[in-house]
Amino acid sequence: LERKATAEDKRSGNLAIHCRDCSPCRRISPTFKETDILAKNLNQLTREIIEAATIIKLKDECVSTPSVALLDKECSFLSASI
Protein backbone atom coordinates (compact mmCIF):
# COMPACT_ATOMS: atom_id res chain seq x y z
CA LEU A 1 0.00 0.00 0.00
CA GLU A 2 1.15 3.48 -0.76
CA ARG A 3 2.26 5.81 1.99
CA LYS A 4 0.26 8.95 2.71
CA ALA A 5 3.19 11.28 1.97
CA THR A 6 3.73 9.62 -1.42
CA ALA A 7 0.05 10.00 -2.31
CA GLU A 8 0.11 13.68 -1.40
CA ASP A 9 3.30 14.23 -3.42
CA LYS A 10 1.36 13.77 -6.72
CA ARG A 11 4.59 12.99 -8.63
CA SER A 12 5.37 9.34 -7.95
CA GLY A 13 3.80 6.16 -6.63
CA ASN A 14 0.78 4.33 -8.02
CA LEU A 15 -1.76 6.09 -5.81
CA ALA A 16 -0.32 9.54 -6.52
CA ILE A 17 -0.29 8.89 -10.27
CA HIS A 18 -3.85 7.56 -10.15
CA CYS A 19 -5.07 10.62 -8.24
CA ARG A 20 -3.30 12.90 -10.71
CA ASP A 21 -4.53 11.17 -13.88
CA CYS A 22 -8.07 10.05 -12.96
CA SER A 23 -10.57 12.84 -13.69
CA PRO A 24 -13.03 12.05 -10.85
CA CYS A 25 -10.14 11.52 -8.40
CA ARG A 26 -8.72 15.00 -8.99
CA ARG A 27 -11.59 16.42 -6.92
CA ILE A 28 -11.06 14.08 -3.97
CA SER A 29 -8.24 12.87 -1.76
CA PRO A 30 -7.53 9.37 -0.44
CA THR A 31 -9.18 8.74 2.93
CA PHE A 32 -6.39 7.13 4.91
CA LYS A 33 -8.44 7.17 8.12
CA GLU A 34 -10.89 4.78 6.43
CA THR A 35 -8.14 2.48 5.14
CA ASP A 36 -8.00 -1.10 6.38
CA ILE A 37 -4.85 -3.18 6.76
CA LEU A 38 -5.59 -6.39 4.88
CA ALA A 39 -2.66 -8.42 6.18
CA LYS A 40 0.59 -8.20 8.11
CA ASN A 41 3.64 -10.42 7.87
CA LEU A 42 7.29 -10.06 8.83
CA ASN A 43 8.46 -11.75 5.62
CA GLN A 44 8.73 -9.41 2.61
CA LEU A 45 8.05 -12.12 0.00
CA THR A 46 4.94 -13.25 1.87
CA ARG A 47 3.70 -9.63 2.01
CA GLU A 48 4.31 -9.23 -1.73
CA ILE A 49 2.46 -12.47 -2.52
CA ILE A 50 -0.50 -11.38 -0.39
CA GLU A 51 -0.40 -7.96 -2.07
CA ALA A 52 -0.35 -9.47 -5.57
CA ALA A 53 -3.18 -11.92 -4.86
CA THR A 54 -5.31 -9.17 -3.34
CA ILE A 55 -4.72 -6.73 -6.21
CA ILE A 56 -5.54 -9.44 -8.75
CA LYS A 57 -8.70 -10.43 -6.87
CA LEU A 58 -9.98 -6.86 -6.39
CA LYS A 59 -9.15 -5.80 -9.97
CA ASP A 60 -10.53 -2.31 -10.62
CA GLU A 61 -10.93 -1.55 -6.93
CA CYS A 62 -7.13 -1.24 -6.66
CA VAL A 63 -5.01 1.56 -8.05
CA SER A 64 -1.74 -0.31 -7.60
CA THR A 65 0.10 -3.02 -9.46
CA PRO A 66 1.56 -6.16 -7.88
CA SER A 67 5.22 -6.19 -6.90
CA VAL A 68 5.47 -9.86 -7.93
CA ALA A 69 3.82 -11.90 -10.68
CA LEU A 70 1.62 -14.86 -9.82
CA LEU A 71 0.57 -17.74 -12.06
CA ASP A 72 -3.14 -18.44 -12.54
CA LYS A 73 -2.77 -21.63 -10.46
CA GLU A 74 -1.19 -19.66 -7.63
CA CYS A 75 -3.98 -17.07 -7.76
CA SER A 76 -6.63 -19.79 -7.64
CA PHE A 77 -4.94 -21.42 -4.65
CA LEU A 78 -4.56 -18.12 -2.78
CA SER A 79 -8.03 -16.77 -3.58
CA ALA A 80 -9.56 -19.20 -1.10
CA SER A 81 -7.71 -17.50 1.76
CA ILE A 82 -8.13 -13.85 0.77
PDB file of N, CA and C in Angstrom:
ATOM      1  N   LEU A   1       0.830  -1.177   0.000  1.00  0.00           N
ATOM      2  CA  LEU A   1       0.000   0.000   0.000  1.00  0.00           C
ATOM      3  C   LEU A   1       0.874   1.239   0.000  1.00  0.00           C
ATOM      4  N   GLU A   2       0.380   2.246  -0.646  1.00  0.00           N
ATOM      5  CA  GLU A   2       1.149   3.476  -0.761  1.00  0.00           C
ATOM      6  C   GLU A   2       1.139   4.265   0.548  1.00  0.00           C
ATOM      7  N   ARG A   3       2.193   4.979   0.789  1.00  0.00           N
ATOM      8  CA  ARG A   3       2.263   5.812   1.987  1.00  0.00           C
ATOM      9  C   ARG A   3       1.538   7.135   1.743  1.00  0.00           C
ATOM     10  N   LYS A   4       1.011   7.705   2.813  1.00  0.00           N
ATOM     11  CA  LYS A   4       0.259   8.949   2.713  1.00  0.00           C
ATOM     12  C   LYS A   4       1.099  10.063   2.086  1.00  0.00           C
ATOM     13  N   ALA A   5       2.341  10.214   2.507  1.00  0.00           N
ATOM     14  CA  ALA A   5       3.189  11.276   1.973  1.00  0.00           C
ATOM     15  C   ALA A   5       3.393  11.108   0.471  1.00  0.00           C
ATOM     16  N   THR A   6       3.550   9.880   0.011  1.00  0.00           N
ATOM     17  CA  THR A   6       3.725   9.625  -1.416  1.00  0.00           C
ATOM     18  C   THR A   6       2.462  10.003  -2.174  1.00  0.00           C
ATOM     19  N   ALA A   7       1.311   9.682  -1.638  1.00  0.00           N
ATOM     20  CA  ALA A   7       0.047   9.999  -2.307  1.00  0.00           C
ATOM     21  C   ALA A   7      -0.144  11.508  -2.412  1.00  0.00           C
ATOM     22  N   GLU A   8       0.271  12.225  -1.388  1.00  0.00           N
ATOM     23  CA  GLU A   8       0.107  13.675  -1.400  1.00  0.00           C
ATOM     24  C   GLU A   8       1.134  14.358  -2.294  1.00  0.00           C
ATOM     25  N   ASP A   9       2.237  13.672  -2.595  1.00  0.00           N
ATOM     26  CA  ASP A   9       3.298  14.231  -3.422  1.00  0.00           C
ATOM     27  C   ASP A   9       2.824  14.489  -4.848  1.00  0.00           C
ATOM     28  N   LYS A  10       1.947  13.648  -5.390  1.00  0.00           N
ATOM     29  CA  LYS A  10       1.363  13.769  -6.724  1.00  0.00           C
ATOM     30  C   LYS A  10       2.364  13.576  -7.861  1.00  0.00           C
ATOM     31  N   ARG A  11       3.608  13.190  -7.570  1.00  0.00           N
ATOM     32  CA  ARG A  11       4.585  12.993  -8.628  1.00  0.00           C
ATOM     33  C   ARG A  11       4.957  11.541  -8.848  1.00  0.00           C
ATOM     34  N   SER A  12       4.933  10.726  -7.801  1.00  0.00           N
ATOM     35  CA  SER A  12       5.367   9.345  -7.946  1.00  0.00           C
ATOM     36  C   SER A  12       4.525   8.429  -7.079  1.00  0.00           C
ATOM     37  N   GLY A  13       4.586   7.141  -7.359  1.00  0.00           N
ATOM     38  CA  GLY A  13       3.796   6.162  -6.626  1.00  0.00           C
ATOM     39  C   GLY A  13       2.481   5.924  -7.339  1.00  0.00           C
ATOM     40  N   ASN A  14       2.000   4.684  -7.290  1.00  0.00           N
ATOM     41  CA  ASN A  14       0.784   4.330  -8.021  1.00  0.00           C
ATOM     42  C   ASN A  14      -0.428   5.141  -7.587  1.00  0.00           C
ATOM     43  N   LEU A  15      -0.602   5.338  -6.290  1.00  0.00           N
ATOM     44  CA  LEU A  15      -1.756   6.087  -5.812  1.00  0.00           C
ATOM     45  C   LEU A  15      -1.673   7.551  -6.239  1.00  0.00           C
ATOM     46  N   ALA A  16      -0.495   8.141  -6.117  1.00  0.00           N
ATOM     47  CA  ALA A  16      -0.323   9.544  -6.521  1.00  0.00           C
ATOM     48  C   ALA A  16      -0.581   9.722  -8.014  1.00  0.00           C
ATOM     49  N   ILE A  17      -0.077   8.813  -8.822  1.00  0.00           N
ATOM     50  CA  ILE A  17      -0.289   8.892 -10.271  1.00  0.00           C
ATOM     51  C   ILE A  17      -1.767   8.711 -10.590  1.00  0.00           C
ATOM     52  N   HIS A  18      -2.419   7.765  -9.922  1.00  0.00           N
ATOM     53  CA  HIS A  18      -3.855   7.559 -10.147  1.00  0.00           C
ATOM     54  C   HIS A  18      -4.646   8.820  -9.799  1.00  0.00           C
ATOM     55  N   CYS A  19      -4.365   9.413  -8.657  1.00  0.00           N
ATOM     56  CA  CYS A  19      -5.075  10.621  -8.236  1.00  0.00           C
ATOM     57  C   CYS A  19      -4.822  11.776  -9.202  1.00  0.00           C
ATOM     58  N   ARG A  20      -3.647  11.839  -9.759  1.00  0.00           N
ATOM     59  CA  ARG A  20      -3.303  12.896 -10.712  1.00  0.00           C
ATOM     60  C   ARG A  20      -4.002  12.691 -12.054  1.00  0.00           C
ATOM     61  N   ASP A  21      -4.060  11.442 -12.526  1.00  0.00           N
ATOM     62  CA  ASP A  21      -4.530  11.165 -13.880  1.00  0.00           C
ATOM     63  C   ASP A  21      -6.016  10.848 -13.997  1.00  0.00           C
ATOM     64  N   CYS A  22      -6.657  10.452 -12.930  1.00  0.00           N
ATOM     65  CA  CYS A  22      -8.066  10.050 -12.963  1.00  0.00           C
ATOM     66  C   CYS A  22      -8.944  11.289 -12.765  1.00  0.00           C
ATOM     67  N   SER A  23      -9.745  11.627 -13.752  1.00  0.00           N
ATOM     68  CA  SER A  23     -10.571  12.842 -13.687  1.00  0.00           C
ATOM     69  C   SER A  23     -11.412  12.947 -12.418  1.00  0.00           C
ATOM     70  N   PRO A  24     -12.226  11.917 -12.071  1.00  0.00           N
ATOM     71  CA  PRO A  24     -13.025  12.046 -10.847  1.00  0.00           C
ATOM     72  C   PRO A  24     -12.170  12.161  -9.583  1.00  0.00           C
ATOM     73  N   CYS A  25     -10.992  11.533  -9.595  1.00  0.00           N
ATOM     74  CA  CYS A  25     -10.143  11.523  -8.399  1.00  0.00           C
ATOM     75  C   CYS A  25      -9.438  12.845  -8.170  1.00  0.00           C
ATOM     76  N   ARG A  26      -9.381  13.697  -9.166  1.00  0.00           N
ATOM     77  CA  ARG A  26      -8.725  15.000  -8.986  1.00  0.00           C
ATOM     78  C   ARG A  26      -9.470  15.872  -7.989  1.00  0.00           C
ATOM     79  N   ARG A  27     -10.762  15.609  -7.817  1.00  0.00           N
ATOM     80  CA  ARG A  27     -11.592  16.418  -6.923  1.00  0.00           C
ATOM     81  C   ARG A  27     -11.629  15.863  -5.502  1.00  0.00           C
ATOM     82  N   ILE A  28     -11.030  14.693  -5.285  1.00  0.00           N
ATOM     83  CA  ILE A  28     -11.056  14.079  -3.965  1.00  0.00           C
ATOM     84  C   ILE A  28      -9.650  13.686  -3.539  1.00  0.00           C
ATOM     85  N   SER A  29      -9.511  13.346  -2.289  1.00  0.00           N
ATOM     86  CA  SER A  29      -8.235  12.872  -1.759  1.00  0.00           C
ATOM     87  C   SER A  29      -8.451  11.490  -1.146  1.00  0.00           C
ATOM     88  N   PRO A  30      -7.396  10.677  -1.103  1.00  0.00           N
ATOM     89  CA  PRO A  30      -7.527   9.366  -0.440  1.00  0.00           C
ATOM     90  C   PRO A  30      -7.914   9.552   1.024  1.00  0.00           C
ATOM     91  N   THR A  31      -8.738   8.671   1.528  1.00  0.00           N
ATOM     92  CA  THR A  31      -9.178   8.742   2.926  1.00  0.00           C
ATOM     93  C   THR A  31      -8.423   7.692   3.737  1.00  0.00           C
ATOM     94  N   PHE A  32      -7.252   8.068   4.205  1.00  0.00           N
ATOM     95  CA  PHE A  32      -6.394   7.127   4.915  1.00  0.00           C
ATOM     96  C   PHE A  32      -6.979   6.706   6.255  1.00  0.00           C
ATOM     97  N   LYS A  33      -7.817   7.535   6.853  1.00  0.00           N
ATOM     98  CA  LYS A  33      -8.443   7.168   8.123  1.00  0.00           C
ATOM     99  C   LYS A  33      -9.421   6.021   7.942  1.00  0.00           C
ATOM    100  N   GLU A  34      -9.937   5.850   6.724  1.00  0.00           N
ATOM    101  CA  GLU A  34     -10.885   4.778   6.433  1.00  0.00           C
ATOM    102  C   GLU A  34     -10.210   3.564   5.803  1.00  0.00           C
ATOM    103  N   THR A  35      -8.890   3.560   5.750  1.00  0.00           N
ATOM    104  CA  THR A  35      -8.138   2.481   5.143  1.00  0.00           C
ATOM    105  C   THR A  35      -8.002   1.311   6.107  1.00  0.00           C
ATOM    106  N   ASP A  36      -8.163   0.117   5.583  1.00  0.00           N
ATOM    107  CA  ASP A  36      -8.000  -1.097   6.380  1.00  0.00           C
ATOM    108  C   ASP A  36      -6.685  -1.777   6.018  1.00  0.00           C
ATOM    109  N   ILE A  37      -6.030  -2.361   7.003  1.00  0.00           N
ATOM    110  CA  ILE A  37      -4.853  -3.181   6.764  1.00  0.00           C
ATOM    111  C   ILE A  37      -5.365  -4.583   6.474  1.00  0.00           C
ATOM    112  N   LEU A  38      -5.077  -5.093   5.296  1.00  0.00           N
ATOM    113  CA  LEU A  38      -5.594  -6.391   4.884  1.00  0.00           C
ATOM    114  C   LEU A  38      -4.796  -7.547   5.449  1.00  0.00           C
ATOM    115  N   ALA A  39      -3.507  -7.345   5.653  1.00  0.00           N
ATOM    116  CA  ALA A  39      -2.664  -8.422   6.178  1.00  0.00           C
ATOM    117  C   ALA A  39      -1.353  -7.838   6.684  1.00  0.00           C
ATOM    118  N   LYS A  40      -0.740  -8.558   7.598  1.00  0.00           N
ATOM    119  CA  LYS A  40       0.586  -8.199   8.111  1.00  0.00           C
ATOM    120  C   LYS A  40       1.434  -9.460   8.098  1.00  0.00           C
ATOM    121  N   ASN A  41       2.713  -9.300   7.811  1.00  0.00           N
ATOM    122  CA  ASN A  41       3.635 -10.423   7.869  1.00  0.00           C
ATOM    123  C   ASN A  41       5.049  -9.877   7.938  1.00  0.00           C
ATOM    124  N   LEU A  42       5.902 -10.518   8.689  1.00  0.00           N
ATOM    125  CA  LEU A  42       7.285 -10.059   8.830  1.00  0.00           C
ATOM    126  C   LEU A  42       8.118 -10.353   7.579  1.00  0.00           C
ATOM    127  N   ASN A  43       7.704 -11.331   6.788  1.00  0.00           N
ATOM    128  CA  ASN A  43       8.464 -11.752   5.616  1.00  0.00           C
ATOM    129  C   ASN A  43       8.050 -10.936   4.390  1.00  0.00           C
ATOM    130  N   GLN A  44       9.025 -10.283   3.750  1.00  0.00           N
ATOM    131  CA  GLN A  44       8.728  -9.415   2.610  1.00  0.00           C
ATOM    132  C   GLN A  44       8.094 -10.179   1.448  1.00  0.00           C
ATOM    133  N   LEU A  45       8.612 -11.349   1.122  1.00  0.00           N
ATOM    134  CA  LEU A  45       8.053 -12.117   0.005  1.00  0.00           C
ATOM    135  C   LEU A  45       6.606 -12.511   0.283  1.00  0.00           C
ATOM    136  N   THR A  46       6.327 -12.906   1.502  1.00  0.00           N
ATOM    137  CA  THR A  46       4.945 -13.246   1.873  1.00  0.00           C
ATOM    138  C   THR A  46       4.040 -12.041   1.717  1.00  0.00           C
ATOM    139  N   ARG A  47       4.498 -10.856   2.165  1.00  0.00           N
ATOM    140  CA  ARG A  47       3.705  -9.634   2.008  1.00  0.00           C
ATOM    141  C   ARG A  47       3.449  -9.333   0.534  1.00  0.00           C
ATOM    142  N   GLU A  48       4.466  -9.517  -0.300  1.00  0.00           N
ATOM    143  CA  GLU A  48       4.315  -9.233  -1.728  1.00  0.00           C
ATOM    144  C   GLU A  48       3.364 -10.226  -2.402  1.00  0.00           C
ATOM    145  N   ILE A  49       3.379 -11.475  -1.976  1.00  0.00           N
ATOM    146  CA  ILE A  49       2.458 -12.473  -2.524  1.00  0.00           C
ATOM    147  C   ILE A  49       1.027 -12.138  -2.116  1.00  0.00           C
ATOM    148  N   ILE A  50       0.824 -11.786  -0.856  1.00  0.00           N
ATOM    149  CA  ILE A  50      -0.502 -11.384  -0.387  1.00  0.00           C
ATOM    150  C   ILE A  50      -0.972 -10.148  -1.154  1.00  0.00           C
ATOM    151  N   GLU A  51      -0.075  -9.183  -1.316  1.00  0.00           N
ATOM    152  CA  GLU A  51      -0.397  -7.965  -2.067  1.00  0.00           C
ATOM    153  C   GLU A  51      -0.836  -8.300  -3.486  1.00  0.00           C
ATOM    154  N   ALA A  52      -0.046  -9.120  -4.177  1.00  0.00           N
ATOM    155  CA  ALA A  52      -0.350  -9.472  -5.567  1.00  0.00           C
ATOM    156  C   ALA A  52      -1.685 -10.199  -5.678  1.00  0.00           C
ATOM    157  N   ALA A  53      -1.923 -11.161  -4.816  1.00  0.00           N
ATOM    158  CA  ALA A  53      -3.176 -11.917  -4.862  1.00  0.00           C
ATOM    159  C   ALA A  53      -4.370 -11.011  -4.590  1.00  0.00           C
ATOM    160  N   THR A  54      -4.223 -10.086  -3.672  1.00  0.00           N
ATOM    161  CA  THR A  54      -5.315  -9.167  -3.338  1.00  0.00           C
ATOM    162  C   THR A  54      -5.590  -8.211  -4.493  1.00  0.00           C
ATOM    163  N   ILE A  55      -4.554  -7.654  -5.085  1.00  0.00           N
ATOM    164  CA  ILE A  55      -4.724  -6.733  -6.214  1.00  0.00           C
ATOM    165  C   ILE A  55      -5.382  -7.449  -7.390  1.00  0.00           C
ATOM    166  N   ILE A  56      -4.956  -8.666  -7.652  1.00  0.00           N
ATOM    167  CA  ILE A  56      -5.541  -9.439  -8.752  1.00  0.00           C
ATOM    168  C   ILE A  56      -7.011  -9.742  -8.463  1.00  0.00           C
ATOM    169  N   LYS A  57      -7.320 -10.091  -7.230  1.00  0.00           N
ATOM    170  CA  LYS A  57      -8.700 -10.431  -6.866  1.00  0.00           C
ATOM    171  C   LYS A  57      -9.619  -9.206  -6.929  1.00  0.00           C
ATOM    172  N   LEU A  58      -9.144  -8.066  -6.460  1.00  0.00           N
ATOM    173  CA  LEU A  58      -9.981  -6.862  -6.393  1.00  0.00           C
ATOM    174  C   LEU A  58     -10.045  -6.085  -7.711  1.00  0.00           C
ATOM    175  N   LYS A  59      -9.166  -6.387  -8.627  1.00  0.00           N
ATOM    176  CA  LYS A  59      -9.147  -5.798  -9.974  1.00  0.00           C
ATOM    177  C   LYS A  59      -9.265  -4.280  -9.959  1.00  0.00           C
ATOM    178  N   ASP A  60     -10.368  -3.751 -10.460  1.00  0.00           N
ATOM    179  CA  ASP A  60     -10.531  -2.306 -10.624  1.00  0.00           C
ATOM    180  C   ASP A  60     -10.686  -1.534  -9.322  1.00  0.00           C
ATOM    181  N   GLU A  61     -10.830  -2.235  -8.221  1.00  0.00           N
ATOM    182  CA  GLU A  61     -10.930  -1.553  -6.932  1.00  0.00           C
ATOM    183  C   GLU A  61      -9.555  -1.104  -6.433  1.00  0.00           C
ATOM    184  N   CYS A  62      -8.501  -1.582  -7.061  1.00  0.00           N
ATOM    185  CA  CYS A  62      -7.134  -1.237  -6.659  1.00  0.00           C
ATOM    186  C   CYS A  62      -6.522  -0.280  -7.667  1.00  0.00           C
ATOM    187  N   VAL A  63      -5.710   0.629  -7.174  1.00  0.00           N
ATOM    188  CA  VAL A  63      -5.012   1.562  -8.049  1.00  0.00           C
ATOM    189  C   VAL A  63      -3.534   1.218  -8.157  1.00  0.00           C
ATOM    190  N   SER A  64      -3.143   0.090  -7.603  1.00  0.00           N
ATOM    191  CA  SER A  64      -1.745  -0.306  -7.600  1.00  0.00           C
ATOM    192  C   SER A  64      -1.517  -1.493  -8.530  1.00  0.00           C
ATOM    193  N   THR A  65      -0.266  -1.831  -8.700  1.00  0.00           N
ATOM    194  CA  THR A  65       0.103  -3.018  -9.462  1.00  0.00           C
ATOM    195  C   THR A  65       0.917  -3.927  -8.553  1.00  0.00           C
ATOM    196  N   PRO A  66       0.819  -5.233  -8.751  1.00  0.00           N
ATOM    197  CA  PRO A  66       1.557  -6.159  -7.882  1.00  0.00           C
ATOM    198  C   PRO A  66       3.069  -5.997  -8.001  1.00  0.00           C
ATOM    199  N   SER A  67       3.752  -6.226  -6.904  1.00  0.00           N
ATOM    200  CA  SER A  67       5.217  -6.193  -6.896  1.00  0.00           C
ATOM    201  C   SER A  67       5.813  -7.481  -7.455  1.00  0.00           C
ATOM    202  N   VAL A  68       5.034  -8.562  -7.398  1.00  0.00           N
ATOM    203  CA  VAL A  68       5.473  -9.858  -7.926  1.00  0.00           C
ATOM    204  C   VAL A  68       4.388 -10.402  -8.848  1.00  0.00           C
ATOM    205  N   ALA A  69       4.771 -11.268  -9.765  1.00  0.00           N
ATOM    206  CA  ALA A  69       3.815 -11.896 -10.680  1.00  0.00           C
ATOM    207  C   ALA A  69       3.410 -13.260 -10.135  1.00  0.00           C
ATOM    208  N   LEU A  70       2.130 -13.566 -10.261  1.00  0.00           N
ATOM    209  CA  LEU A  70       1.617 -14.862  -9.824  1.00  0.00           C
ATOM    210  C   LEU A  70       1.022 -15.601 -11.016  1.00  0.00           C
ATOM    211  N   LEU A  71       1.202 -16.904 -11.039  1.00  0.00           N
ATOM    212  CA  LEU A  71       0.574 -17.739 -12.057  1.00  0.00           C
ATOM    213  C   LEU A  71      -0.907 -17.885 -11.750  1.00  0.00           C
ATOM    214  N   ASP A  72      -1.708 -18.229 -12.751  1.00  0.00           N
ATOM    215  CA  ASP A  72      -3.139 -18.437 -12.536  1.00  0.00           C
ATOM    216  C   ASP A  72      -3.402 -19.493 -11.464  1.00  0.00           C
ATOM    217  N   LYS A  73      -2.607 -20.578 -11.474  1.00  0.00           N
ATOM    218  CA  LYS A  73      -2.767 -21.631 -10.461  1.00  0.00           C
ATOM    219  C   LYS A  73      -2.509 -21.085  -9.064  1.00  0.00           C
ATOM    220  N   GLU A  74      -1.513 -20.244  -8.932  1.00  0.00           N
ATOM    221  CA  GLU A  74      -1.193 -19.660  -7.633  1.00  0.00           C
ATOM    222  C   GLU A  74      -2.325 -18.739  -7.170  1.00  0.00           C
ATOM    223  N   CYS A  75      -2.866 -17.957  -8.097  1.00  0.00           N
ATOM    224  CA  CYS A  75      -3.982 -17.070  -7.763  1.00  0.00           C
ATOM    225  C   CYS A  75      -5.198 -17.869  -7.308  1.00  0.00           C
ATOM    226  N   SER A  76      -5.489 -18.945  -8.004  1.00  0.00           N
ATOM    227  CA  SER A  76      -6.629 -19.794  -7.637  1.00  0.00           C
ATOM    228  C   SER A  76      -6.435 -20.374  -6.242  1.00  0.00           C
ATOM    229  N   PHE A  77      -5.237 -20.846  -5.960  1.00  0.00           N
ATOM    230  CA  PHE A  77      -4.938 -21.416  -4.646  1.00  0.00           C
ATOM    231  C   PHE A  77      -5.086 -20.365  -3.548  1.00  0.00           C
ATOM    232  N   LEU A  78      -4.549 -19.165  -3.798  1.00  0.00           N
ATOM    233  CA  LEU A  78      -4.558 -18.116  -2.779  1.00  0.00           C
ATOM    234  C   LEU A  78      -5.925 -17.460  -2.613  1.00  0.00           C
ATOM    235  N   SER A  79      -6.738 -17.461  -3.656  1.00  0.00           N
ATOM    236  CA  SER A  79      -8.028 -16.765  -3.579  1.00  0.00           C
ATOM    237  C   SER A  79      -8.941 -17.341  -2.507  1.00  0.00           C
ATOM    238  N   ALA A  80      -8.744 -18.578  -2.153  1.00  0.00           N
ATOM    239  CA  ALA A  80      -9.557 -19.199  -1.103  1.00  0.00           C
ATOM    240  C   ALA A  80      -9.271 -18.590   0.273  1.00  0.00           C
ATOM    241  N   SER A  81      -8.080 -18.025   0.443  1.00  0.00           N
ATOM    242  CA  SER A  81      -7.713 -17.505   1.758  1.00  0.00           C
ATOM    243  C   SER A  81      -7.763 -15.982   1.848  1.00  0.00           C
ATOM    244  N   ILE A  82      -8.099 -15.331   0.762  1.00  0.00           N
ATOM    245  CA  ILE A  82      -8.134 -13.853   0.768  1.00  0.00           C
ATOM    246  C   ILE A  82      -9.571 -13.380   0.748  1.00  0.00           C
TER     247      ILE A  82
END
